[in-house]
């Protein structure tokens, strides 16, 4: 059994690692329009749980940075704000994606020794 102190440290480090990948994670799923809750469910289904309290501020920040565009859909009983990659967002996502693959390759070599 792992001591609680070690488990707490591990959980903290894991949280940091996940936080470092959240932008790329979200951008990767916005090739098609998604509203906040649908994105939470989609990511959870893919094994990447994200709390709504983390996601919504991130979506607003990415929109402010012009990486996302949003539009309201009001044709249903509950209006929803949909987000999708902007043209700038598509370019930034592609660059981040390429850098990610290079980092994974480098980390794989490091971790395998």
N, C-alpha and C. Protein backbone atom coordinates (compact mmCIF):
# COMPACT_ATOMS: atom_id res chain seq x y z
N UNK A 1 0.84 -1.19 0.00
CA UNK A 1 0.00 0.00 0.00
C UNK A 1 0.89 1.25 0.00
N UNK A 2 0.52 2.23 -0.80
CA UNK A 2 1.29 3.47 -0.92
C UNK A 2 0.90 4.41 0.23
N UNK A 3 1.88 4.97 0.93
CA UNK A 3 1.56 5.93 2.00
C UNK A 3 0.76 7.11 1.45
N UNK A 4 -0.15 7.64 2.27
CA UNK A 4 -1.02 8.75 1.85
C UNK A 4 -0.21 9.94 1.34
N UNK A 5 0.89 10.26 2.00
CA UNK A 5 1.72 11.39 1.58
C UNK A 5 2.22 11.18 0.16
N UNK A 6 2.66 9.97 -0.16
CA UNK A 6 3.15 9.66 -1.51
C UNK A 6 2.01 9.69 -2.52
N UNK A 7 0.86 9.19 -2.13
CA UNK A 7 -0.31 9.19 -3.02
C UNK A 7 -0.75 10.62 -3.31
N UNK A 8 -0.75 11.48 -2.29
CA UNK A 8 -1.11 12.89 -2.49
C UNK A 8 -0.14 13.56 -3.45
N UNK A 9 1.14 13.31 -3.28
CA UNK A 9 2.14 13.88 -4.18
C UNK A 9 1.93 13.39 -5.60
N UNK A 10 1.70 12.10 -5.74
CA UNK A 10 1.45 11.52 -7.07
C UNK A 10 0.23 12.17 -7.72
N UNK A 11 -0.87 12.29 -6.98
CA UNK A 11 -2.09 12.90 -7.52
C UNK A 11 -1.85 14.36 -7.93
N UNK A 12 -1.07 15.07 -7.16
CA UNK A 12 -0.74 16.45 -7.48
C UNK A 12 0.06 16.54 -8.78
N UNK A 13 1.04 15.66 -8.93
CA UNK A 13 1.86 15.65 -10.14
C UNK A 13 1.04 15.22 -11.36
N UNK A 14 0.15 14.25 -11.17
CA UNK A 14 -0.72 13.81 -12.26
C UNK A 14 -1.64 14.95 -12.70
N UNK A 15 -2.15 15.70 -11.73
CA UNK A 15 -3.01 16.85 -12.02
C UNK A 15 -2.24 17.88 -12.87
N UNK A 16 -1.01 18.15 -12.49
CA UNK A 16 -0.16 19.08 -13.26
C UNK A 16 0.05 18.59 -14.68
N UNK A 17 0.32 17.32 -14.83
CA UNK A 17 0.53 16.73 -16.15
C UNK A 17 -0.72 16.89 -17.02
N UNK A 18 -1.87 16.60 -16.46
CA UNK A 18 -3.13 16.74 -17.20
C UNK A 18 -3.41 18.19 -17.56
N UNK A 19 -3.12 19.08 -16.61
CA UNK A 19 -3.37 20.50 -16.85
C UNK A 19 -2.52 21.00 -18.02
N UNK A 20 -1.35 20.44 -18.18
CA UNK A 20 -0.47 20.83 -19.26
C UNK A 20 -0.93 20.37 -20.63
N UNK A 21 -1.89 19.46 -20.67
CA UNK A 21 -2.36 18.95 -21.96
C UNK A 21 -3.79 19.36 -22.29
N UNK A 22 -4.45 20.08 -21.40
CA UNK A 22 -5.87 20.38 -21.58
C UNK A 22 -6.17 21.22 -22.82
N UNK A 23 -5.33 22.18 -23.14
CA UNK A 23 -5.59 23.02 -24.31
C UNK A 23 -5.56 22.17 -25.58
N UNK A 24 -4.53 21.36 -25.74
CA UNK A 24 -4.44 20.50 -26.92
C UNK A 24 -5.60 19.51 -26.95
N UNK A 25 -5.97 18.99 -25.81
CA UNK A 25 -7.10 18.07 -25.72
C UNK A 25 -8.38 18.71 -26.23
N UNK A 26 -8.66 19.90 -25.75
CA UNK A 26 -9.89 20.60 -26.13
C UNK A 26 -9.86 20.98 -27.61
N UNK A 27 -8.76 21.55 -28.06
CA UNK A 27 -8.66 21.94 -29.46
C UNK A 27 -8.87 20.73 -30.38
N UNK A 28 -8.37 19.58 -29.97
CA UNK A 28 -8.47 18.39 -30.82
C UNK A 28 -9.92 17.96 -31.05
N UNK A 29 -10.81 18.34 -30.17
CA UNK A 29 -12.20 17.91 -30.27
C UNK A 29 -13.13 18.96 -30.86
N UNK A 30 -12.58 20.09 -31.27
CA UNK A 30 -13.43 21.17 -31.78
C UNK A 30 -13.29 21.38 -33.28
N UNK A 31 -13.00 20.31 -33.99
CA UNK A 31 -13.03 20.36 -35.46
C UNK A 31 -14.48 20.57 -35.92
N UNK A 32 -15.40 20.03 -35.14
CA UNK A 32 -16.83 20.21 -35.38
C UNK A 32 -17.41 20.92 -34.16
N UNK A 33 -18.50 21.65 -34.33
CA UNK A 33 -19.07 22.41 -33.22
C UNK A 33 -19.49 21.52 -32.04
N UNK A 34 -19.18 22.00 -30.85
CA UNK A 34 -19.57 21.33 -29.61
C UNK A 34 -19.99 22.40 -28.62
N UNK A 35 -20.97 22.09 -27.81
CA UNK A 35 -21.28 22.97 -26.69
C UNK A 35 -20.61 22.40 -25.45
N UNK A 36 -20.50 23.18 -24.41
CA UNK A 36 -19.71 22.81 -23.25
C UNK A 36 -20.01 21.44 -22.69
N UNK A 37 -21.28 21.17 -22.40
CA UNK A 37 -21.61 19.89 -21.79
C UNK A 37 -21.32 18.73 -22.73
N UNK A 38 -21.60 18.91 -24.01
CA UNK A 38 -21.32 17.82 -24.97
C UNK A 38 -19.82 17.54 -25.02
N UNK A 39 -19.01 18.57 -24.87
CA UNK A 39 -17.56 18.40 -24.87
C UNK A 39 -17.10 17.68 -23.60
N UNK A 40 -17.69 18.03 -22.47
CA UNK A 40 -17.38 17.33 -21.22
C UNK A 40 -17.67 15.84 -21.38
N UNK A 41 -18.84 15.51 -21.92
CA UNK A 41 -19.24 14.12 -22.09
C UNK A 41 -18.36 13.39 -23.11
N UNK A 42 -18.03 14.06 -24.20
CA UNK A 42 -17.18 13.48 -25.23
C UNK A 42 -15.80 13.14 -24.67
N UNK A 43 -15.22 14.07 -23.94
CA UNK A 43 -13.89 13.83 -23.36
C UNK A 43 -13.95 12.73 -22.31
N UNK A 44 -14.99 12.72 -21.51
CA UNK A 44 -15.13 11.67 -20.50
C UNK A 44 -15.23 10.30 -21.16
N UNK A 45 -16.01 10.24 -22.23
CA UNK A 45 -16.17 8.98 -22.97
C UNK A 45 -14.84 8.49 -23.53
N UNK A 46 -13.95 9.42 -23.85
CA UNK A 46 -12.64 9.08 -24.40
C UNK A 46 -11.59 8.90 -23.31
N UNK A 47 -12.02 8.87 -22.05
CA UNK A 47 -11.12 8.60 -20.94
C UNK A 47 -10.37 9.80 -20.40
N UNK A 48 -10.85 11.01 -20.75
CA UNK A 48 -10.20 12.23 -20.28
C UNK A 48 -11.24 13.09 -19.57
N UNK A 49 -11.45 12.80 -18.29
CA UNK A 49 -12.46 13.59 -17.57
C UNK A 49 -12.00 15.03 -17.33
N UNK A 50 -12.89 15.96 -17.61
CA UNK A 50 -12.62 17.38 -17.39
C UNK A 50 -13.84 17.97 -16.68
N UNK A 51 -13.58 18.66 -15.61
CA UNK A 51 -14.69 19.28 -14.88
C UNK A 51 -15.20 20.51 -15.62
N UNK A 52 -16.50 20.71 -15.55
CA UNK A 52 -17.12 21.86 -16.21
C UNK A 52 -16.50 23.16 -15.71
N UNK A 53 -16.16 23.21 -14.44
CA UNK A 53 -15.55 24.41 -13.86
C UNK A 53 -14.18 24.71 -14.43
N UNK A 54 -13.55 23.74 -15.02
CA UNK A 54 -12.27 23.93 -15.71
C UNK A 54 -12.51 24.25 -17.17
N UNK A 55 -13.47 23.55 -17.77
CA UNK A 55 -13.68 23.67 -19.21
C UNK A 55 -14.26 25.02 -19.64
N UNK A 56 -15.29 25.49 -18.98
CA UNK A 56 -15.96 26.71 -19.43
C UNK A 56 -15.04 27.94 -19.42
N UNK A 57 -14.28 28.17 -18.37
CA UNK A 57 -13.34 29.29 -18.43
C UNK A 57 -12.29 29.12 -19.54
N UNK A 58 -11.86 27.86 -19.77
CA UNK A 58 -10.90 27.61 -20.83
C UNK A 58 -11.50 27.93 -22.19
N UNK A 59 -12.73 27.54 -22.44
CA UNK A 59 -13.39 27.85 -23.71
C UNK A 59 -13.47 29.36 -23.93
N UNK A 60 -13.83 30.08 -22.88
CA UNK A 60 -13.91 31.55 -23.01
C UNK A 60 -12.54 32.15 -23.28
N UNK A 61 -11.51 31.63 -22.62
CA UNK A 61 -10.15 32.14 -22.84
C UNK A 61 -9.68 31.84 -24.26
N UNK A 62 -9.93 30.64 -24.76
CA UNK A 62 -9.51 30.28 -26.12
C UNK A 62 -10.25 31.11 -27.15
N UNK A 63 -11.50 31.43 -26.87
CA UNK A 63 -12.26 32.29 -27.77
C UNK A 63 -11.68 33.71 -27.77
N UNK A 64 -11.35 34.20 -26.60
CA UNK A 64 -10.75 35.54 -26.48
C UNK A 64 -9.40 35.59 -27.21
N UNK A 65 -8.68 34.48 -27.22
CA UNK A 65 -7.39 34.40 -27.91
C UNK A 65 -7.56 34.14 -29.41
N UNK A 66 -8.78 34.15 -29.89
CA UNK A 66 -9.18 33.96 -31.29
C UNK A 66 -8.88 32.55 -31.83
N UNK A 67 -8.74 31.59 -30.94
CA UNK A 67 -8.53 30.21 -31.38
C UNK A 67 -9.86 29.51 -31.63
N UNK A 68 -10.93 30.02 -31.01
CA UNK A 68 -12.26 29.46 -31.18
C UNK A 68 -13.23 30.53 -31.64
N UNK A 69 -14.26 30.06 -32.33
CA UNK A 69 -15.40 30.89 -32.68
C UNK A 69 -16.60 30.26 -31.99
N UNK A 70 -17.57 31.08 -31.69
CA UNK A 70 -18.76 30.54 -31.04
C UNK A 70 -20.01 31.07 -31.71
N UNK A 71 -21.08 30.32 -31.55
CA UNK A 71 -22.38 30.76 -32.04
C UNK A 71 -23.45 30.16 -31.15
N UNK A 72 -24.53 30.91 -31.00
CA UNK A 72 -25.64 30.45 -30.19
C UNK A 72 -26.64 29.72 -31.08
N UNK A 73 -27.10 28.59 -30.60
CA UNK A 73 -28.19 27.89 -31.27
C UNK A 73 -29.41 28.02 -30.38
N UNK A 74 -30.42 28.67 -30.90
CA UNK A 74 -31.61 28.96 -30.10
C UNK A 74 -32.84 28.23 -30.63
N UNK A 75 -32.66 27.32 -31.56
CA UNK A 75 -33.82 26.63 -32.14
C UNK A 75 -34.32 25.46 -31.29
N UNK A 76 -33.68 25.22 -30.16
CA UNK A 76 -34.16 24.20 -29.23
C UNK A 76 -34.71 24.89 -27.99
N UNK A 77 -35.30 24.11 -27.10
CA UNK A 77 -35.90 24.71 -25.90
C UNK A 77 -34.84 25.34 -24.99
N UNK A 78 -33.62 24.83 -25.07
CA UNK A 78 -32.53 25.38 -24.24
C UNK A 78 -31.44 25.93 -25.17
N UNK A 79 -31.26 27.25 -25.22
CA UNK A 79 -30.20 27.81 -26.07
C UNK A 79 -28.82 27.31 -25.63
N UNK A 80 -27.99 27.01 -26.62
CA UNK A 80 -26.65 26.51 -26.33
C UNK A 80 -25.63 27.27 -27.15
N UNK A 81 -24.49 27.51 -26.51
CA UNK A 81 -23.38 28.16 -27.17
C UNK A 81 -22.43 27.08 -27.69
N UNK A 82 -22.24 27.06 -29.00
CA UNK A 82 -21.38 26.09 -29.64
C UNK A 82 -20.03 26.72 -29.96
N UNK A 83 -18.98 25.94 -29.76
CA UNK A 83 -17.61 26.38 -30.04
C UNK A 83 -17.01 25.51 -31.13
N UNK A 84 -16.17 26.15 -31.95
CA UNK A 84 -15.47 25.44 -33.01
C UNK A 84 -14.16 26.17 -33.27
N UNK A 85 -13.17 25.43 -33.79
CA UNK A 85 -11.90 26.06 -34.12
C UNK A 85 -12.09 27.17 -35.16
N UNK A 86 -11.44 28.29 -34.94
CA UNK A 86 -11.37 29.35 -35.95
C UNK A 86 -10.26 28.98 -36.94
N UNK A 87 -10.08 29.77 -37.96
CA UNK A 87 -8.97 29.52 -38.90
C UNK A 87 -7.64 29.60 -38.17
N UNK A 88 -7.50 30.59 -37.30
CA UNK A 88 -6.28 30.71 -36.49
C UNK A 88 -6.14 29.48 -35.60
N UNK A 89 -7.23 29.07 -34.98
CA UNK A 89 -7.23 27.90 -34.11
C UNK A 89 -6.80 26.64 -34.84
N UNK A 90 -7.23 26.49 -36.09
CA UNK A 90 -6.84 25.31 -36.88
C UNK A 90 -5.33 25.29 -37.10
N UNK A 91 -4.77 26.44 -37.40
CA UNK A 91 -3.32 26.52 -37.63
C UNK A 91 -2.55 26.25 -36.34
N UNK A 92 -2.99 26.87 -35.26
CA UNK A 92 -2.32 26.69 -33.97
C UNK A 92 -2.44 25.23 -33.52
N UNK A 93 -3.63 24.66 -33.68
CA UNK A 93 -3.83 23.26 -33.32
C UNK A 93 -2.89 22.36 -34.11
N UNK A 94 -2.78 22.56 -35.38
CA UNK A 94 -1.91 21.73 -36.22
C UNK A 94 -0.46 21.83 -35.75
N UNK A 95 -0.01 23.04 -35.45
CA UNK A 95 1.36 23.22 -34.94
C UNK A 95 1.56 22.54 -33.59
N UNK A 96 0.60 22.73 -32.68
CA UNK A 96 0.69 22.09 -31.36
C UNK A 96 0.67 20.57 -31.49
N UNK A 97 -0.16 20.09 -32.39
CA UNK A 97 -0.26 18.65 -32.62
C UNK A 97 1.08 18.08 -33.10
N UNK A 98 1.69 18.75 -34.05
CA UNK A 98 2.99 18.31 -34.55
C UNK A 98 4.05 18.34 -33.45
N UNK A 99 4.05 19.41 -32.66
CA UNK A 99 4.99 19.51 -31.54
C UNK A 99 4.73 18.41 -30.52
N UNK A 100 3.45 18.11 -30.27
CA UNK A 100 3.10 17.05 -29.33
C UNK A 100 3.70 15.72 -29.79
N UNK A 101 3.52 15.38 -31.05
CA UNK A 101 4.04 14.11 -31.54
C UNK A 101 5.56 14.04 -31.41
N UNK A 102 6.22 15.15 -31.63
CA UNK A 102 7.67 15.18 -31.46
C UNK A 102 8.05 14.99 -29.99
N UNK A 103 7.31 15.67 -29.10
CA UNK A 103 7.59 15.52 -27.66
C UNK A 103 7.33 14.08 -27.20
N UNK A 104 6.27 13.48 -27.69
CA UNK A 104 5.97 12.09 -27.32
C UNK A 104 7.09 11.18 -27.77
N UNK A 105 7.58 11.40 -28.98
CA UNK A 105 8.69 10.60 -29.50
C UNK A 105 9.93 10.77 -28.60
N UNK A 106 10.23 12.01 -28.27
CA UNK A 106 11.40 12.29 -27.43
C UNK A 106 11.22 11.70 -26.03
N UNK A 107 10.05 11.85 -25.45
CA UNK A 107 9.78 11.30 -24.12
C UNK A 107 9.83 9.79 -24.14
N UNK A 108 9.33 9.19 -25.19
CA UNK A 108 9.36 7.73 -25.32
C UNK A 108 10.79 7.23 -25.29
N UNK A 109 11.66 7.92 -26.01
CA UNK A 109 13.08 7.54 -26.01
C UNK A 109 13.71 7.74 -24.63
N UNK A 110 13.37 8.84 -23.97
CA UNK A 110 13.91 9.09 -22.63
C UNK A 110 13.45 8.05 -21.61
N UNK A 111 12.17 7.76 -21.64
CA UNK A 111 11.60 6.88 -20.62
C UNK A 111 11.97 5.42 -20.83
N UNK A 112 12.23 5.05 -22.06
CA UNK A 112 12.65 3.68 -22.33
C UNK A 112 14.11 3.45 -21.97
N UNK A 113 14.82 4.56 -21.79
CA UNK A 113 16.23 4.49 -21.38
C UNK A 113 17.07 4.18 -22.52
